[in-house]
Amino acid sequence: MADSESIIRDKTGLKMYLDHGALEGEIYKSGFESGTTDREFLDHVSSLQEMNTAERIVPVLVQYIRKEGLVPGDQLPPEKKLGDIIGIGHRALREALIILRSIGLVIARPGKGWYVGKFDPVKNLRFIAPVLQEFCQSDWREVMYSRLANEPVIAYLAAKSISAEGLKKLEQSLAEMDKACQEKQSRRYRHYDRLFHQIISEECGNGILAMQSSMMAGLFYSMTWWAPERNMVYSVAEHKRIFEAILAGDAAAAEKAMAQHLRDGIDWFEKHGVDVSSGQDS
C-alpha cells in the first residue's frame, strides 16, 4: 500500500485506500484546484480514510454522474462496468448505490439497472426528521430556534424569487388554512400550515436553506402533532401577512413577518408549558 508521500505525488487522480486494501483506479479530483497545497490535499485524504468503504465511494459516484453530464432518467453503466470505470468492487459499489437511492439521487429498475434520479433535498431528506428526534434528543426549543435562524431568510429570498406558479400554490394553501380554521379542522389546518412553509422554502432559490428547512419542519411537526392547537384565527392572520409581503415582493417585510410568526410560536409554547418531547403538558 502506498504511503502518504505517494498519495501527495499523485495529485492528478486521488487513490483512496480502504481498510481491506488499496482501491484501484483513479478518482475524479474536481474539488481541488491546481493551487491546492500538499497539506490540504493530505488532510482531505485523511478525512476520507476515516469513512467506511461505501461512504468513500458515494462522492466518487456523485462526481462521476456530474462529470459525465448525466441527468434524471439517464442510465448508469452496468454495475460491473461502472465498478471497472471507478476502480471498486461489486459489493462496495452496490452499498454506495443503495445509499444514493435512499436520497433519490439514483433509482433501481428491476431487470434494467440503475438510473439517475431527480434529487429534491426538500422532499428526499424528510426521513431524517424522525431520526433526529429519536436519537439526537432534540427538543422543540432547539427546533424552533433553528427555524427562527433559517426561515426568515428563506421568506426574504422567496419574496425576491418566487415564481407565478409558486405564488398560486402559496395562495391556495393559505385559502385552505383559512377554510380549515373556519371549520375548526385542526389536523387539516396543520397539513396546509406545513405546506405553506414548504412552498416558501422551495421557492427561495437556495437549495441548502430549503433542505435545512425541510428537515426542521419535519422534525417540528413530528414532535408537535399531538400538542394543543394554537389560536388558528391569529395564526391565519400571521400567514396572511407573510403571503402579502411575498406577493408584494417586499423582502424585508416578508422576513420580518416570518420572524414574528416564529417568535409568537415560541412564546405560545413557553406560555402553555408544553413539553413536546414527552407528549404531555407540563
Protein backbone atom coordinates (compact mmCIF):
# COMPACT_ATOMS: atom_id res chain seq x y z
CA MET A 1 0.00 0.00 0.00
CA ALA A 2 1.32 3.42 -0.90
CA ASP A 3 2.18 5.87 1.86
CA SER A 4 1.07 9.49 2.24
CA GLU A 5 4.06 10.70 0.19
CA SER A 6 2.96 8.78 -2.88
CA ILE A 7 -0.65 9.96 -2.37
CA ILE A 8 0.54 13.55 -2.38
CA ARG A 9 2.60 12.98 -5.53
CA ASP A 10 -0.43 11.58 -7.38
CA LYS A 11 -2.47 14.79 -7.40
CA THR A 12 -3.92 14.18 -10.85
CA GLY A 13 -6.12 11.41 -9.52
CA LEU A 14 -6.87 10.57 -5.89
CA LYS A 15 -6.30 6.92 -4.98
CA MET A 16 -8.42 6.05 -1.97
CA TYR A 17 -7.17 3.30 0.30
CA LEU A 18 -9.66 1.09 2.04
CA ASP A 19 -9.44 -0.94 5.22
CA HIS A 20 -9.31 -4.06 3.07
CA GLY A 21 -6.55 -2.83 0.78
CA ALA A 22 -5.89 -0.33 -1.99
CA LEU A 23 -8.76 0.99 -4.04
CA GLU A 24 -7.50 0.65 -7.58
CA GLY A 25 -8.42 3.21 -10.21
CA GLU A 26 -8.17 6.96 -10.24
CA ILE A 27 -10.81 9.10 -8.61
CA TYR A 28 -12.12 12.35 -10.04
CA LYS A 29 -10.44 15.21 -8.27
CA SER A 30 -12.72 18.04 -9.38
CA GLY A 31 -12.90 19.63 -5.94
CA PHE A 32 -9.21 20.60 -5.97
CA GLU A 33 -7.63 23.46 -7.87
CA SER A 34 -4.09 23.39 -9.18
CA GLY A 35 -3.01 25.58 -6.28
CA THR A 36 -4.05 23.07 -3.62
CA THR A 37 -1.22 22.60 -1.13
CA ASP A 38 0.12 19.17 -0.23
CA ARG A 39 -1.08 19.66 3.34
CA GLU A 40 -4.64 20.47 2.23
CA PHE A 41 -4.69 17.50 -0.10
CA LEU A 42 -3.35 15.09 2.54
CA ASP A 43 -5.88 16.37 5.09
CA HIS A 44 -8.64 15.54 2.61
CA VAL A 45 -7.22 12.05 2.07
CA SER A 46 -7.06 11.50 5.83
CA SER A 47 -10.71 12.52 6.22
CA LEU A 48 -11.68 10.02 3.53
CA GLN A 49 -9.78 7.26 5.30
CA GLU A 50 -11.97 7.79 8.38
CA MET A 51 -15.07 6.85 6.35
CA ASN A 52 -16.29 3.36 5.68
CA THR A 53 -15.99 1.90 2.20
CA ALA A 54 -19.41 2.89 0.91
CA GLU A 55 -19.12 6.43 2.29
CA ARG A 56 -15.86 6.90 0.37
CA ILE A 57 -17.43 5.75 -2.85
CA VAL A 58 -20.55 7.92 -2.66
CA PRO A 59 -18.74 11.20 -3.54
CA VAL A 60 -16.93 9.39 -6.35
CA LEU A 61 -20.23 8.27 -7.86
CA VAL A 62 -21.72 11.75 -7.48
CA GLN A 63 -18.72 13.27 -9.27
CA TYR A 64 -18.94 10.62 -11.99
CA ILE A 65 -22.61 11.46 -12.63
CA ARG A 66 -21.84 15.17 -12.79
CA LYS A 67 -18.73 14.86 -14.96
CA GLU A 68 -20.48 12.59 -17.43
CA GLY A 69 -23.31 15.11 -17.72
CA LEU A 70 -25.94 12.56 -16.73
CA VAL A 71 -29.41 13.90 -16.00
CA PRO A 72 -32.52 12.37 -14.37
CA GLY A 73 -33.66 9.40 -16.44
CA ASP A 74 -30.22 8.60 -17.86
CA GLN A 75 -28.99 5.07 -17.28
CA LEU A 76 -25.76 4.33 -15.46
CA PRO A 77 -23.39 1.74 -16.92
CA PRO A 78 -23.94 -1.86 -15.75
CA GLU A 79 -22.55 -2.42 -12.26
CA LYS A 80 -19.53 -4.41 -13.44
CA LYS A 81 -18.57 -1.78 -15.99
CA LEU A 82 -19.20 1.07 -13.55
CA GLY A 83 -17.05 -0.68 -10.98
CA ASP A 84 -14.26 -1.03 -13.53
CA ILE A 85 -14.53 2.64 -14.50
CA ILE A 86 -14.01 3.95 -10.98
CA GLY A 87 -12.00 1.00 -9.70
CA ILE A 88 -14.14 -0.57 -6.99
CA GLY A 89 -15.58 -3.97 -6.21
CA HIS A 90 -19.18 -5.02 -6.74
CA ARG A 91 -20.19 -5.20 -3.07
CA ALA A 92 -18.86 -1.74 -2.18
CA LEU A 93 -20.43 -0.24 -5.31
CA ARG A 94 -23.81 -1.78 -4.53
CA GLU A 95 -23.73 -0.39 -0.96
CA ALA A 96 -22.92 3.08 -2.28
CA LEU A 97 -25.71 2.90 -4.86
CA ILE A 98 -28.19 1.92 -2.15
CA ILE A 99 -27.14 4.96 -0.11
CA LEU A 100 -27.72 7.21 -3.12
CA ARG A 101 -31.06 5.53 -3.76
CA SER A 102 -32.18 6.36 -0.22
CA ILE A 103 -31.87 10.08 -1.02
CA GLY A 104 -33.33 9.82 -4.51
CA LEU A 105 -30.15 10.50 -6.47
CA VAL A 106 -30.38 7.16 -8.26
CA ILE A 107 -33.22 4.70 -8.80
CA ALA A 108 -33.16 0.97 -9.49
CA ARG A 109 -35.32 -0.56 -12.19
CA PRO A 110 -35.57 -4.36 -11.80
CA GLY A 111 -34.09 -6.16 -14.77
CA LYS A 112 -32.82 -2.94 -16.32
CA GLY A 113 -30.24 -1.45 -13.96
CA TRP A 114 -29.57 1.86 -12.27
CA TYR A 115 -30.77 5.26 -13.46
CA VAL A 116 -30.12 8.82 -12.36
CA GLY A 117 -32.97 10.08 -10.21
CA LYS A 118 -34.25 13.58 -9.56
CA PHE A 119 -32.71 14.74 -6.30
CA ASP A 120 -35.02 17.06 -4.38
CA PRO A 121 -33.48 17.81 -0.96
CA VAL A 122 -36.72 19.29 0.36
CA LYS A 123 -38.63 16.04 -0.22
CA ASN A 124 -35.93 13.36 -0.28
CA LEU A 125 -34.43 14.16 3.12
CA ARG A 126 -37.65 14.23 5.15
CA PHE A 127 -36.84 10.81 6.57
CA ILE A 128 -34.05 12.39 8.62
CA ALA A 129 -36.55 14.18 10.90
CA PRO A 130 -37.63 11.14 12.96
CA VAL A 131 -34.01 10.02 13.20
CA LEU A 132 -33.03 13.37 14.69
CA GLN A 133 -35.98 13.28 17.05
CA GLU A 134 -35.31 9.79 18.38
CA PHE A 135 -31.53 9.72 18.52
CA CYS A 136 -30.35 13.33 18.89
CA GLN A 137 -32.76 14.14 21.71
CA SER A 138 -33.66 17.48 20.15
CA ASP A 139 -36.45 19.36 21.90
CA TRP A 140 -38.91 21.87 20.49
CA ARG A 141 -36.79 24.84 21.58
CA GLU A 142 -33.81 23.68 19.54
CA VAL A 143 -36.04 23.12 16.54
CA MET A 144 -37.92 26.41 16.81
CA TYR A 145 -34.79 28.50 17.30
CA SER A 146 -33.23 26.70 14.33
CA ARG A 147 -36.31 27.61 12.30
CA LEU A 148 -36.05 31.20 13.54
CA ALA A 149 -32.48 31.36 12.24
CA ASN A 150 -33.47 29.83 8.92
CA GLU A 151 -36.98 30.64 7.75
CA PRO A 152 -36.99 34.46 7.88
CA VAL A 153 -34.07 34.43 5.43
CA ILE A 154 -35.99 31.95 3.28
CA ALA A 155 -39.01 34.27 3.26
CA TYR A 156 -36.74 37.17 2.33
CA LEU A 157 -35.32 35.26 -0.64
CA ALA A 158 -38.72 33.90 -1.69
CA ALA A 159 -40.10 37.44 -1.91
CA LYS A 160 -37.39 38.15 -4.46
CA SER A 161 -37.54 34.95 -6.47
CA ILE A 162 -40.94 33.25 -6.14
CA SER A 163 -42.49 32.14 -9.42
CA ALA A 164 -46.04 32.81 -10.57
CA GLU A 165 -46.80 29.14 -10.02
CA GLY A 166 -45.30 29.32 -6.55
CA LEU A 167 -47.47 32.30 -5.67
CA LYS A 168 -50.53 30.45 -6.89
CA LYS A 169 -49.72 27.42 -4.74
CA LEU A 170 -48.99 29.62 -1.74
CA GLU A 171 -52.30 31.43 -2.12
CA GLN A 172 -54.14 28.11 -2.42
CA SER A 173 -52.53 26.71 0.72
CA LEU A 174 -53.43 29.89 2.60
CA ALA A 175 -57.04 29.60 1.42
CA GLU A 176 -57.16 26.01 2.65
CA MET A 177 -55.76 27.09 6.02
CA ASP A 178 -58.46 29.75 6.27
CA LYS A 179 -61.15 27.20 5.39
CA ALA A 180 -59.82 24.68 7.93
CA CYS A 181 -59.79 27.43 10.55
CA GLN A 182 -63.42 28.33 9.89
CA GLU A 183 -64.44 24.67 10.06
CA LYS A 184 -62.25 24.09 13.15
CA GLN A 185 -60.38 21.23 11.47
CA SER A 186 -57.05 21.37 13.27
CA ARG A 187 -55.42 18.39 11.55
CA ARG A 188 -56.28 19.78 8.11
CA TYR A 189 -55.02 23.16 9.25
CA ARG A 190 -51.67 21.68 10.31
CA HIS A 191 -51.31 19.98 6.94
CA TYR A 192 -51.72 23.22 4.98
CA ASP A 193 -49.68 25.16 7.50
CA ARG A 194 -46.75 22.84 6.80
CA LEU A 195 -47.39 23.03 3.05
CA PHE A 196 -47.36 26.84 3.21
CA HIS A 197 -43.87 26.86 4.72
CA GLN A 198 -42.71 24.13 2.35
CA ILE A 199 -43.74 26.12 -0.71
CA ILE A 200 -41.85 29.17 0.52
CA SER A 201 -38.69 27.11 1.06
CA GLU A 202 -38.99 25.52 -2.38
CA GLU A 203 -39.32 28.97 -3.97
CA CYS A 204 -36.45 30.67 -2.13
CA GLY A 205 -33.86 29.68 -4.73
CA ASN A 206 -31.38 28.34 -2.18
CA GLY A 207 -31.22 24.55 -2.07
CA ILE A 208 -29.23 24.36 1.16
CA LEU A 209 -31.64 26.56 3.08
CA ALA A 210 -34.57 24.64 1.61
CA MET A 211 -33.03 21.34 2.71
CA GLN A 212 -32.46 22.62 6.24
CA SER A 213 -35.99 23.98 6.40
CA SER A 214 -37.45 20.66 5.25
CA MET A 215 -35.64 18.74 7.98
CA MET A 216 -36.54 21.25 10.70
CA ALA A 217 -40.19 21.41 9.63
CA GLY A 218 -40.43 17.62 9.55
CA LEU A 219 -38.90 17.40 13.00
CA PHE A 220 -41.16 20.13 14.39
CA TYR A 221 -44.41 18.65 13.08
CA SER A 222 -43.48 15.13 14.16
CA MET A 223 -42.81 16.50 17.65
CA THR A 224 -45.96 18.59 17.93
CA TRP A 225 -48.65 16.62 16.10
CA TRP A 226 -50.46 15.95 19.37
CA ALA A 227 -49.97 19.37 21.00
CA PRO A 228 -52.91 21.69 21.76
CA GLU A 229 -53.71 23.79 18.71
CA ARG A 230 -52.68 27.43 18.68
CA ASN A 231 -55.28 30.07 18.02
CA MET A 232 -55.93 29.31 14.35
CA VAL A 233 -57.55 32.67 13.66
CA TYR A 234 -54.45 34.51 14.85
CA SER A 235 -52.18 32.06 13.06
CA VAL A 236 -54.02 32.57 9.76
CA ALA A 237 -53.57 36.32 10.13
CA GLU A 238 -49.83 35.84 10.58
CA HIS A 239 -49.60 33.69 7.48
CA LYS A 240 -51.59 36.27 5.52
CA ARG A 241 -49.03 38.93 6.45
CA ILE A 242 -46.24 36.67 5.23
CA PHE A 243 -48.10 35.97 1.98
CA GLU A 244 -48.91 39.63 1.34
CA ALA A 245 -45.27 40.63 1.81
CA ILE A 246 -44.09 37.93 -0.59
CA LEU A 247 -46.80 38.84 -3.10
CA ALA A 248 -45.68 42.48 -2.97
CA GLY A 249 -42.05 41.45 -3.44
CA ASP A 250 -41.20 43.16 -0.15
CA ALA A 251 -38.33 41.00 1.07
CA ALA A 252 -37.72 42.93 4.29
CA ALA A 253 -41.40 42.76 5.26
CA ALA A 254 -41.55 39.04 4.46
CA GLU A 255 -38.50 38.41 6.63
CA LYS A 256 -39.97 40.43 9.49
CA ALA A 257 -43.40 38.76 9.25
CA MET A 258 -41.88 35.27 9.26
CA ALA A 259 -39.64 36.07 12.21
CA GLN A 260 -42.60 37.44 14.17
CA HIS A 261 -44.66 34.36 13.34
CA LEU A 262 -41.97 32.04 14.67
CA ARG A 263 -41.32 34.14 17.78
CA ASP A 264 -45.04 34.07 18.54
CA GLY A 265 -44.92 30.29 18.21
CA ILE A 266 -42.05 30.08 20.68
CA ASP A 267 -43.90 32.35 23.11
CA TRP A 268 -47.04 30.21 22.78
CA PHE A 269 -45.21 27.01 23.67
CA GLU A 270 -43.45 28.69 26.57
CA LYS A 271 -46.72 30.16 27.89
CA HIS A 272 -48.61 26.87 27.71
CA GLY A 273 -45.77 24.89 29.27
CA VAL A 274 -46.00 22.21 26.62
CA ASP A 275 -43.32 19.54 26.83
CA VAL A 276 -43.45 18.24 23.25
CA SER A 277 -40.58 15.84 23.82
CA SER A 278 -42.70 13.72 26.16
CA GLY A 279 -46.14 14.33 24.66
CA GLN A 280 -47.52 15.82 27.90
CA ASP A 281 -48.45 19.22 29.19
CA SER A 282 -46.09 20.23 31.96
